[in-house]
Every structure is written in structure tokens, then in C-alpha cells.
PDB file of all heavy atoms in Angstrom:
ATOM      1  N   VAL A   1       0.826  -1.196  -0.003  1.00  0.00           N
ATOM      2  CA  VAL A   1       0.000  -0.001   0.010  1.00  0.00           C
ATOM      3  C   VAL A   1       0.866   1.256  -0.008  1.00  0.00           C
ATOM      4  O   VAL A   1       0.634   2.188  -0.773  1.00  0.00           O
ATOM      5  CB  VAL A   1      -0.949   0.011   1.209  1.00  0.00           C
ATOM      6  CG1 VAL A   1      -1.763   1.293   1.236  1.00  0.00           C
ATOM      7  CG2 VAL A   1      -1.862  -1.206   1.166  1.00  0.00           C
ATOM      8  N   SER A   2       1.844   1.284   0.887  1.00  0.00           N
ATOM      9  CA  SER A   2       2.704   2.465   0.983  1.00  0.00           C
ATOM     10  C   SER A   2       3.990   2.078   1.721  1.00  0.00           C
ATOM     11  O   SER A   2       3.984   1.165   2.542  1.00  0.00           O
ATOM     12  CB  SER A   2       1.987   3.595   1.730  1.00  0.00           C
ATOM     13  OG  SER A   2       2.785   4.763   1.763  1.00  0.00           O
ATOM     14  N   CYS A   3       5.040   2.782   1.433  1.00  0.00           N
ATOM     15  CA  CYS A   3       6.312   2.576   2.136  1.00  0.00           C
ATOM     16  C   CYS A   3       7.084   3.859   2.175  1.00  0.00           C
ATOM     17  O   CYS A   3       6.905   4.757   1.347  1.00  0.00           O
ATOM     18  CB  CYS A   3       7.154   1.452   1.511  1.00  0.00           C
ATOM     19  SG  CYS A   3       7.820   1.801  -0.122  1.00  0.00           S
ATOM     20  N   ILE A   4       7.976   3.943   3.157  1.00  0.00           N
ATOM     21  CA  ILE A   4       8.895   5.069   3.250  1.00  0.00           C
ATOM     22  C   ILE A   4      10.242   4.523   3.683  1.00  0.00           C
ATOM     23  O   ILE A   4      10.358   3.685   4.580  1.00  0.00           O
ATOM     24  CB  ILE A   4       8.377   6.161   4.214  1.00  0.00           C
ATOM     25  CG1 ILE A   4       9.303   7.358   4.246  1.00  0.00           C
ATOM     26  CG2 ILE A   4       8.159   5.581   5.614  1.00  0.00           C
ATOM     27  CD1 ILE A   4       8.697   8.577   4.934  1.00  0.00           C
ATOM     28  N   SER A   5      11.290   4.992   3.000  1.00  0.00           N
ATOM     29  CA  SER A   5      12.624   4.534   3.295  1.00  0.00           C
ATOM     30  C   SER A   5      13.277   5.318   4.415  1.00  0.00           C
ATOM     31  O   SER A   5      12.771   6.374   4.835  1.00  0.00           O
ATOM     32  CB  SER A   5      13.520   4.628   2.036  1.00  0.00           C
ATOM     33  OG  SER A   5      13.759   5.975   1.702  1.00  0.00           O
ATOM     34  N   THR A   6      14.421   4.820   4.894  1.00  0.00           N
ATOM     35  CA  THR A   6      15.208   5.611   5.826  1.00  0.00           C
ATOM     36  C   THR A   6      15.569   6.945   5.184  1.00  0.00           C
ATOM     37  O   THR A   6      15.824   7.039   3.999  1.00  0.00           O
ATOM     38  CB  THR A   6      16.486   4.864   6.216  1.00  0.00           C
ATOM     39  OG1 THR A   6      17.184   4.453   5.028  1.00  0.00           O
ATOM     40  CG2 THR A   6      16.165   3.634   7.036  1.00  0.00           C
ATOM     41  N   TYR A   7      15.559   7.968   6.017  1.00  0.00           N
ATOM     42  CA  TYR A   7      15.867   9.344   5.601  1.00  0.00           C
ATOM     43  C   TYR A   7      14.922   9.870   4.532  1.00  0.00           C
ATOM     44  O   TYR A   7      15.160  10.922   3.937  1.00  0.00           O
ATOM     45  CB  TYR A   7      17.303   9.425   5.074  1.00  0.00           C
ATOM     46  CG  TYR A   7      18.305   8.884   6.057  1.00  0.00           C
ATOM     47  CD1 TYR A   7      18.889   7.634   5.848  1.00  0.00           C
ATOM     48  CD2 TYR A   7      18.659   9.596   7.210  1.00  0.00           C
ATOM     49  CE1 TYR A   7      19.800   7.127   6.773  1.00  0.00           C
ATOM     50  CE2 TYR A   7      19.534   9.072   8.134  1.00  0.00           C
ATOM     51  CZ  TYR A   7      20.115   7.843   7.900  1.00  0.00           C
ATOM     52  OH  TYR A   7      21.018   7.311   8.817  1.00  0.00           O
ATOM     53  N   GLY A   8      13.825   9.201   4.313  1.00  0.00           N
ATOM     54  CA  GLY A   8      12.836   9.657   3.327  1.00  0.00           C
ATOM     55  C   GLY A   8      13.340   9.689   1.918  1.00  0.00           C
ATOM     56  O   GLY A   8      12.852  10.473   1.101  1.00  0.00           O
ATOM     57  N   ILE A   9      14.314   8.823   1.601  1.00  0.00           N
ATOM     58  CA  ILE A   9      14.861   8.776   0.253  1.00  0.00           C
ATOM     59  C   ILE A   9      13.787   8.465  -0.772  1.00  0.00           C
ATOM     60  O   ILE A   9      13.790   9.002  -1.876  1.00  0.00           O
ATOM     61  CB  ILE A   9      16.005   7.757   0.186  1.00  0.00           C
ATOM     62  CG1 ILE A   9      17.226   8.275   1.007  1.00  0.00           C
ATOM     63  CG2 ILE A   9      16.436   7.509  -1.267  1.00  0.00           C
ATOM     64  CD1 ILE A   9      18.306   7.242   1.175  1.00  0.00           C
ATOM     65  N   SER A  10      12.860   7.612  -0.388  1.00  0.00           N
ATOM     66  CA  SER A  10      11.745   7.306  -1.265  1.00  0.00           C
ATOM     67  C   SER A  10      10.487   7.164  -0.465  1.00  0.00           C
ATOM     68  O   SER A  10      10.509   6.668   0.664  1.00  0.00           O
ATOM     69  CB  SER A  10      12.013   6.067  -2.111  1.00  0.00           C
ATOM     70  OG  SER A  10      12.119   4.909  -1.283  1.00  0.00           O
ATOM     71  N   VAL A  11       9.384   7.570  -1.031  1.00  0.00           N
ATOM     72  CA  VAL A  11       8.051   7.358  -0.485  1.00  0.00           C
ATOM     73  C   VAL A  11       7.197   6.855  -1.635  1.00  0.00           C
ATOM     74  O   VAL A  11       7.105   7.528  -2.659  1.00  0.00           O
ATOM     75  CB  VAL A  11       7.468   8.626   0.122  1.00  0.00           C
ATOM     76  CG1 VAL A  11       6.075   8.325   0.712  1.00  0.00           C
ATOM     77  CG2 VAL A  11       8.385   9.204   1.199  1.00  0.00           C
ATOM     78  N   ASN A  12       6.592   5.723  -1.487  1.00  0.00           N
ATOM     79  CA  ASN A  12       5.828   5.130  -2.568  1.00  0.00           C
ATOM     80  C   ASN A  12       4.435   4.755  -2.117  1.00  0.00           C
ATOM     81  O   ASN A  12       4.188   4.418  -0.943  1.00  0.00           O
ATOM     82  CB  ASN A  12       6.551   3.877  -3.080  1.00  0.00           C
ATOM     83  CG  ASN A  12       7.873   4.169  -3.706  1.00  0.00           C
ATOM     84  OD1 ASN A  12       7.984   5.024  -4.575  1.00  0.00           O
ATOM     85  ND2 ASN A  12       8.941   3.478  -3.258  1.00  0.00           N
ATOM     86  N   TYR A  13       3.512   4.811  -3.072  1.00  0.00           N
ATOM     87  CA  TYR A  13       2.122   4.467  -2.829  1.00  0.00           C
ATOM     88  C   TYR A  13       1.606   3.605  -3.953  1.00  0.00           C
ATOM     89  O   TYR A  13       1.938   3.768  -5.118  1.00  0.00           O
ATOM     90  CB  TYR A  13       1.248   5.715  -2.727  1.00  0.00           C
ATOM     91  CG  TYR A  13       1.504   6.572  -1.517  1.00  0.00           C
ATOM     92  CD1 TYR A  13       2.387   7.653  -1.600  1.00  0.00           C
ATOM     93  CD2 TYR A  13       0.873   6.316  -0.299  1.00  0.00           C
ATOM     94  CE1 TYR A  13       2.617   8.431  -0.488  1.00  0.00           C
ATOM     95  CE2 TYR A  13       1.110   7.115   0.793  1.00  0.00           C
ATOM     96  CZ  TYR A  13       1.994   8.166   0.721  1.00  0.00           C
ATOM     97  OH  TYR A  13       2.228   8.953   1.815  1.00  0.00           O
ATOM     98  N   LEU A  14       0.734   2.676  -3.565  1.00  0.00           N
ATOM     99  CA  LEU A  14      -0.035   1.967  -4.559  1.00  0.00           C
ATOM    100  C   LEU A  14      -0.860   2.973  -5.349  1.00  0.00           C
ATOM    101  O   LEU A  14      -1.445   3.907  -4.780  1.00  0.00           O
ATOM    102  CB  LEU A  14      -0.957   0.967  -3.822  1.00  0.00           C
ATOM    103  CG  LEU A  14      -1.839   0.053  -4.633  1.00  0.00           C
ATOM    104  CD1 LEU A  14      -1.022  -0.955  -5.423  1.00  0.00           C
ATOM    105  CD2 LEU A  14      -2.820  -0.664  -3.676  1.00  0.00           C
ATOM    106  N   ASP A  15      -0.936   2.798  -6.653  1.00  0.00           N
ATOM    107  CA  ASP A  15      -1.629   3.762  -7.512  1.00  0.00           C
ATOM    108  C   ASP A  15      -3.050   4.053  -7.052  1.00  0.00           C
ATOM    109  O   ASP A  15      -3.477   5.198  -7.052  1.00  0.00           O
ATOM    110  CB  ASP A  15      -1.644   3.278  -8.945  1.00  0.00           C
ATOM    111  CG  ASP A  15      -0.322   3.463  -9.662  1.00  0.00           C
ATOM    112  OD1 ASP A  15       0.545   4.192  -9.143  1.00  0.00           O
ATOM    113  OD2 ASP A  15      -0.156   2.860 -10.737  1.00  0.00           O
ATOM    114  N   SER A  16      -3.747   3.035  -6.617  1.00  0.00           N
ATOM    115  CA  SER A  16      -5.125   3.191  -6.267  1.00  0.00           C
ATOM    116  C   SER A  16      -5.369   3.971  -4.968  1.00  0.00           C
ATOM    117  O   SER A  16      -6.501   4.358  -4.674  1.00  0.00           O
ATOM    118  CB  SER A  16      -5.828   1.830  -6.172  1.00  0.00           C
ATOM    119  OG  SER A  16      -5.255   1.035  -5.168  1.00  0.00           O
ATOM    120  N   VAL A  17      -4.310   4.213  -4.181  1.00  0.00           N
ATOM    121  CA  VAL A  17      -4.461   4.975  -2.958  1.00  0.00           C
ATOM    122  C   VAL A  17      -3.806   6.334  -2.982  1.00  0.00           C
ATOM    123  O   VAL A  17      -3.904   7.087  -2.027  1.00  0.00           O
ATOM    124  CB  VAL A  17      -3.959   4.178  -1.724  1.00  0.00           C
ATOM    125  CG1 VAL A  17      -4.555   2.774  -1.694  1.00  0.00           C
ATOM    126  CG2 VAL A  17      -2.428   4.120  -1.675  1.00  0.00           C
ATOM    127  N   LYS A  18      -3.118   6.657  -4.069  1.00  0.00           N
ATOM    128  CA  LYS A  18      -2.458   7.942  -4.188  1.00  0.00           C
ATOM    129  C   LYS A  18      -3.454   9.087  -4.034  1.00  0.00           C
ATOM    130  O   LYS A  18      -4.547   9.072  -4.637  1.00  0.00           O
ATOM    131  CB  LYS A  18      -1.729   8.050  -5.527  1.00  0.00           C
ATOM    132  CG  LYS A  18      -0.469   7.223  -5.609  1.00  0.00           C
ATOM    133  CD  LYS A  18       0.207   7.391  -6.961  1.00  0.00           C
ATOM    134  CE  LYS A  18       1.482   6.574  -7.028  1.00  0.00           C
ATOM    135  NZ  LYS A  18       2.141   6.682  -8.350  1.00  0.00           N
ATOM    136  N   GLY A  19      -3.099  10.051  -3.219  1.00  0.00           N
ATOM    137  CA  GLY A  19      -3.976  11.169  -2.965  1.00  0.00           C
ATOM    138  C   GLY A  19      -4.965  10.920  -1.856  1.00  0.00           C
ATOM    139  O   GLY A  19      -5.631  11.862  -1.414  1.00  0.00           O
ATOM    140  N   ARG A  20      -5.063   9.687  -1.405  1.00  0.00           N
ATOM    141  CA  ARG A  20      -6.016   9.351  -0.351  1.00  0.00           C
ATOM    142  C   ARG A  20      -5.325   8.874   0.922  1.00  0.00           C
ATOM    143  O   ARG A  20      -5.841   9.102   2.020  1.00  0.00           O
ATOM    144  CB  ARG A  20      -6.984   8.256  -0.810  1.00  0.00           C
ATOM    145  CG  ARG A  20      -7.811   8.662  -2.023  1.00  0.00           C
ATOM    146  CD  ARG A  20      -8.907   7.634  -2.319  1.00  0.00           C
ATOM    147  NE  ARG A  20      -8.375   6.323  -2.619  1.00  0.00           N
ATOM    148  CZ  ARG A  20      -8.621   5.219  -1.931  1.00  0.00           C
ATOM    149  NH1 ARG A  20      -9.367   5.254  -0.828  1.00  0.00           N
ATOM    150  NH2 ARG A  20      -8.104   4.052  -2.311  1.00  0.00           N
ATOM    151  N   PHE A  21      -4.197   8.199   0.793  1.00  0.00           N
ATOM    152  CA  PHE A  21      -3.476   7.641   1.939  1.00  0.00           C
ATOM    153  C   PHE A  21      -2.155   8.393   2.123  1.00  0.00           C
ATOM    154  O   PHE A  21      -1.503   8.797   1.166  1.00  0.00           O
ATOM    155  CB  PHE A  21      -3.159   6.160   1.729  1.00  0.00           C
ATOM    156  CG  PHE A  21      -4.346   5.242   1.751  1.00  0.00           C
ATOM    157  CD1 PHE A  21      -5.636   5.705   1.717  1.00  0.00           C
ATOM    158  CD2 PHE A  21      -4.129   3.876   1.811  1.00  0.00           C
ATOM    159  CE1 PHE A  21      -6.729   4.841   1.747  1.00  0.00           C
ATOM    160  CE2 PHE A  21      -5.198   2.982   1.849  1.00  0.00           C
ATOM    161  CZ  PHE A  21      -6.497   3.479   1.807  1.00  0.00           C
ATOM    162  N   THR A  22      -1.732   8.482   3.386  1.00  0.00           N
ATOM    163  CA  THR A  22      -0.467   9.118   3.707  1.00  0.00           C
ATOM    164  C   THR A  22       0.268   8.299   4.757  1.00  0.00           C
ATOM    165  O   THR A  22      -0.314   7.990   5.792  1.00  0.00           O
ATOM    166  CB  THR A  22      -0.663  10.546   4.262  1.00  0.00           C
ATOM    167  OG1 THR A  22      -1.391  11.321   3.305  1.00  0.00           O
ATOM    168  CG2 THR A  22       0.685  11.207   4.520  1.00  0.00           C
ATOM    169  N   ILE A  23       1.507   7.965   4.465  1.00  0.00           N
ATOM    170  CA  ILE A  23       2.344   7.260   5.436  1.00  0.00           C
ATOM    171  C   ILE A  23       3.230   8.251   6.168  1.00  0.00           C
ATOM    172  O   ILE A  23       3.688   9.227   5.580  1.00  0.00           O
ATOM    173  CB  ILE A  23       3.214   6.172   4.728  1.00  0.00           C
ATOM    174  CG1 ILE A  23       3.899   5.277   5.767  1.00  0.00           C
ATOM    175  CG2 ILE A  23       4.211   6.811   3.765  1.00  0.00           C
ATOM    176  CD1 ILE A  23       4.550   4.048   5.133  1.00  0.00           C
ATOM    177  N   SER A  24       3.445   8.032   7.449  1.00  0.00           N
ATOM    178  CA  SER A  24       4.264   8.939   8.252  1.00  0.00           C
ATOM    179  C   SER A  24       4.969   8.154   9.361  1.00  0.00           C
ATOM    180  O   SER A  24       4.541   7.065   9.728  1.00  0.00           O
ATOM    181  CB  SER A  24       3.444  10.080   8.810  1.00  0.00           C
ATOM    182  OG  SER A  24       2.445   9.621   9.688  1.00  0.00           O
ATOM    183  N   ARG A  25       6.019   8.766   9.895  1.00  0.00           N
ATOM    184  CA  ARG A  25       6.831   8.125  10.916  1.00  0.00           C
ATOM    185  C   ARG A  25       6.997   9.082  12.092  1.00  0.00           C
ATOM    186  O   ARG A  25       7.223  10.284  11.893  1.00  0.00           O
ATOM    187  CB  ARG A  25       8.195   7.777  10.295  1.00  0.00           C
ATOM    188  CG  ARG A  25       9.176   7.068  11.209  1.00  0.00           C
ATOM    189  CD  ARG A  25      10.615   7.149  10.688  1.00  0.00           C
ATOM    190  NE  ARG A  25      10.778   7.069   9.271  1.00  0.00           N
ATOM    191  CZ  ARG A  25      11.289   6.021   8.616  1.00  0.00           C
ATOM    192  NH1 ARG A  25      11.668   4.931   9.286  1.00  0.00           N
ATOM    193  NH2 ARG A  25      11.432   6.057   7.294  1.00  0.00           N
ATOM    194  N   ASP A  26       6.898   8.579  13.284  1.00  0.00           N
ATOM    195  CA  ASP A  26       7.155   9.356  14.491  1.00  0.00           C
ATOM    196  C   ASP A  26       8.365   8.754  15.184  1.00  0.00           C
ATOM    197  O   ASP A  26       8.237   7.746  15.875  1.00  0.00           O
ATOM    198  CB  ASP A  26       5.938   9.351  15.405  1.00  0.00           C
ATOM    199  CG  ASP A  26       6.076  10.283  16.582  1.00  0.00           C
ATOM    200  OD1 ASP A  26       7.193  10.514  17.073  1.00  0.00           O
ATOM    201  OD2 ASP A  26       5.039  10.802  17.053  1.00  0.00           O
ATOM    202  N   SER A  27       9.513   9.372  14.980  1.00  0.00           N
ATOM    203  CA  SER A  27      10.745   8.828  15.512  1.00  0.00           C
ATOM    204  C   SER A  27      10.743   8.771  17.064  1.00  0.00           C
ATOM    205  O   SER A  27      11.228   7.805  17.644  1.00  0.00           O
ATOM    206  CB  SER A  27      11.942   9.657  15.044  1.00  0.00           C
ATOM    207  OG  SER A  27      12.051   9.581  13.628  1.00  0.00           O
ATOM    208  N   ALA A  28      10.207   9.794  17.687  1.00  0.00           N
ATOM    209  CA  ALA A  28      10.222   9.879  19.150  1.00  0.00           C
ATOM    210  C   ALA A  28       9.440   8.741  19.762  1.00  0.00           C
ATOM    211  O   ALA A  28       9.814   8.226  20.814  1.00  0.00           O
ATOM    212  CB  ALA A  28       9.670  11.234  19.599  1.00  0.00           C
ATOM    213  N   LYS A  29       8.338   8.333  19.117  1.00  0.00           N
ATOM    214  CA  LYS A  29       7.514   7.258  19.654  1.00  0.00           C
ATOM    215  C   LYS A  29       7.889   5.898  19.080  1.00  0.00           C
ATOM    216  O   LYS A  29       7.315   4.877  19.507  1.00  0.00           O
ATOM    217  CB  LYS A  29       6.045   7.540  19.363  1.00  0.00           C
ATOM    218  CG  LYS A  29       5.500   8.732  20.103  1.00  0.00           C
ATOM    219  CD  LYS A  29       4.011   8.905  19.825  1.00  0.00           C
ATOM    220  CE  LYS A  29       3.438  10.073  20.617  1.00  0.00           C
ATOM    221  NZ  LYS A  29       1.984  10.245  20.365  1.00  0.00           N
ATOM    222  N   ASN A  30       8.777   5.871  18.108  1.00  0.00           N
ATOM    223  CA  ASN A  30       9.143   4.636  17.415  1.00  0.00           C
ATOM    224  C   ASN A  30       7.909   3.977  16.840  1.00  0.00           C
ATOM    225  O   ASN A  30       7.683   2.760  16.959  1.00  0.00           O
ATOM    226  CB  ASN A  30       9.886   3.696  18.331  1.00  0.00           C
ATOM    227  CG  ASN A  30      10.923   2.847  17.571  1.00  0.00           C
ATOM    228  OD1 ASN A  30      11.687   3.384  16.778  1.00  0.00           O
ATOM    229  ND2 ASN A  30      10.959   1.561  17.860  1.00  0.00           N
ATOM    230  N   MET A  31       7.063   4.778  16.205  1.00  0.00           N
ATOM    231  CA  MET A  31       5.823   4.330  15.601  1.00  0.00           C
ATOM    232  C   MET A  31       5.690   4.867  14.188  1.00  0.00           C
ATOM    233  O   MET A  31       6.330   5.869  13.836  1.00  0.00           O
ATOM    234  CB  MET A  31       4.626   4.771  16.419  1.00  0.00           C
ATOM    235  CG  MET A  31       4.563   4.218  17.831  1.00  0.00           C
ATOM    236  SD  MET A  31       3.144   4.843  18.790  1.00  0.00           S
ATOM    237  CE  MET A  31       1.776   4.168  17.845  1.00  0.00           C
ATOM    238  N   PHE A  32       4.866   4.235  13.398  1.00  0.00           N
ATOM    239  CA  PHE A  32       4.500   4.824  12.119  1.00  0.00           C
ATOM    240  C   PHE A  32       3.016   4.587  11.836  1.00  0.00           C
ATOM    241  O   PHE A  32       2.371   3.783  12.511  1.00  0.00           O
ATOM    242  CB  PHE A  32       5.406   4.369  10.961  1.00  0.00           C
ATOM    243  CG  PHE A  32       5.363   2.913  10.630  1.00  0.00           C
ATOM    244  CD1 PHE A  32       4.665   2.477   9.508  1.00  0.00           C
ATOM    245  CD2 PHE A  32       6.088   1.974  11.352  1.00  0.00           C
ATOM    246  CE1 PHE A  32       4.666   1.133   9.139  1.00  0.00           C
ATOM    247  CE2 PHE A  32       6.093   0.633  11.009  1.00  0.00           C
ATOM    248  CZ  PHE A  32       5.378   0.231   9.900  1.00  0.00           C
ATOM    249  N   TYR A  33       2.516   5.339  10.843  1.00  0.00           N
ATOM    250  CA  TYR A  33       1.071   5.465  10.670  1.00  0.00           C
ATOM    251  C   TYR A  33       0.672   5.397   9.223  1.00  0.00           C
ATOM    252  O   TYR A  33       1.482   5.640   8.319  1.00  0.00           O
ATOM    253  CB  TYR A  33       0.599   6.813  11.225  1.00  0.00           C
ATOM    254  CG  TYR A  33       1.069   7.077  12.625  1.00  0.00           C
ATOM    255  CD1 TYR A  33       2.253   7.761  12.852  1.00  0.00           C
ATOM    256  CD2 TYR A  33       0.326   6.651  13.717  1.00  0.00           C
ATOM    257  CE1 TYR A  33       2.704   8.002  14.138  1.00  0.00           C
ATOM    258  CE2 TYR A  33       0.779   6.877  15.014  1.00  0.00           C
ATOM    259  CZ  TYR A  33       1.935   7.560  15.233  1.00  0.00           C
ATOM    260  OH  TYR A  33       2.385   7.772  16.502  1.00  0.00           O
ATOM    261  N   LEU A  34      -0.571   5.078   8.984  1.00  0.00           N
ATOM    262  CA  LEU A  34      -1.166   5.192   7.684  1.00  0.00           C
ATOM    263  C   LEU A  34      -2.487   5.926   7.827  1.00  0.00           C
ATOM    264  O   LEU A  34      -3.437   5.390   8.381  1.00  0.00           O
ATOM    265  CB  LEU A  34      -1.405   3.807   7.045  1.00  0.00           C
ATOM    266  CG  LEU A  34      -1.928   3.820   5.608  1.00  0.00           C
ATOM    267  CD1 LEU A  34      -0.867   4.350   4.665  1.00  0.00           C
ATOM    268  CD2 LEU A  34      -2.374   2.439   5.205  1.00  0.00           C
ATOM    269  N   GLN A  35      -2.511   7.145   7.346  1.00  0.00           N
ATOM    270  CA  GLN A  35      -3.738   7.926   7.342  1.00  0.00           C
ATOM    271  C   GLN A  35      -4.502   7.637   6.054  1.00  0.00           C
ATOM    272  O   GLN A  35      -3.952   7.805   4.983  1.00  0.00           O
ATOM    273  CB  GLN A  35      -3.414   9.426   7.444  1.00  0.00           C
ATOM    274  CG  GLN A  35      -2.738   9.832   8.722  1.00  0.00           C
ATOM    275  CD  GLN A  35      -2.325  11.288   8.727  1.00  0.00           C
ATOM    276  OE1 GLN A  35      -1.617  11.756   7.815  1.00  0.00           O
ATOM    277  NE2 GLN A  35      -2.776  12.017   9.734  1.00  0.00           N
TER     278      GLN A  35
END
């Protein structure tokens, strides 16, 4: 569905979710999300 690399070198989305889904990372909490 979506991925993000270390240092944000790449962020990719499945075509069908582009513009609708957002991946993010919270370093302080050691968590990540899919909105």
C-alpha cells in the first residue's frame, strides 16, 4: 500500500491509494502510521 525509506529517500504508494493515503513516521515514539 505504501512505504517510506530511511531518511525519506523514497516514499511510494499503490496507484489506487495515491492522494487518499499518507504514510508517516514518528521517531520519538518509534511508531508509524497510515492515514
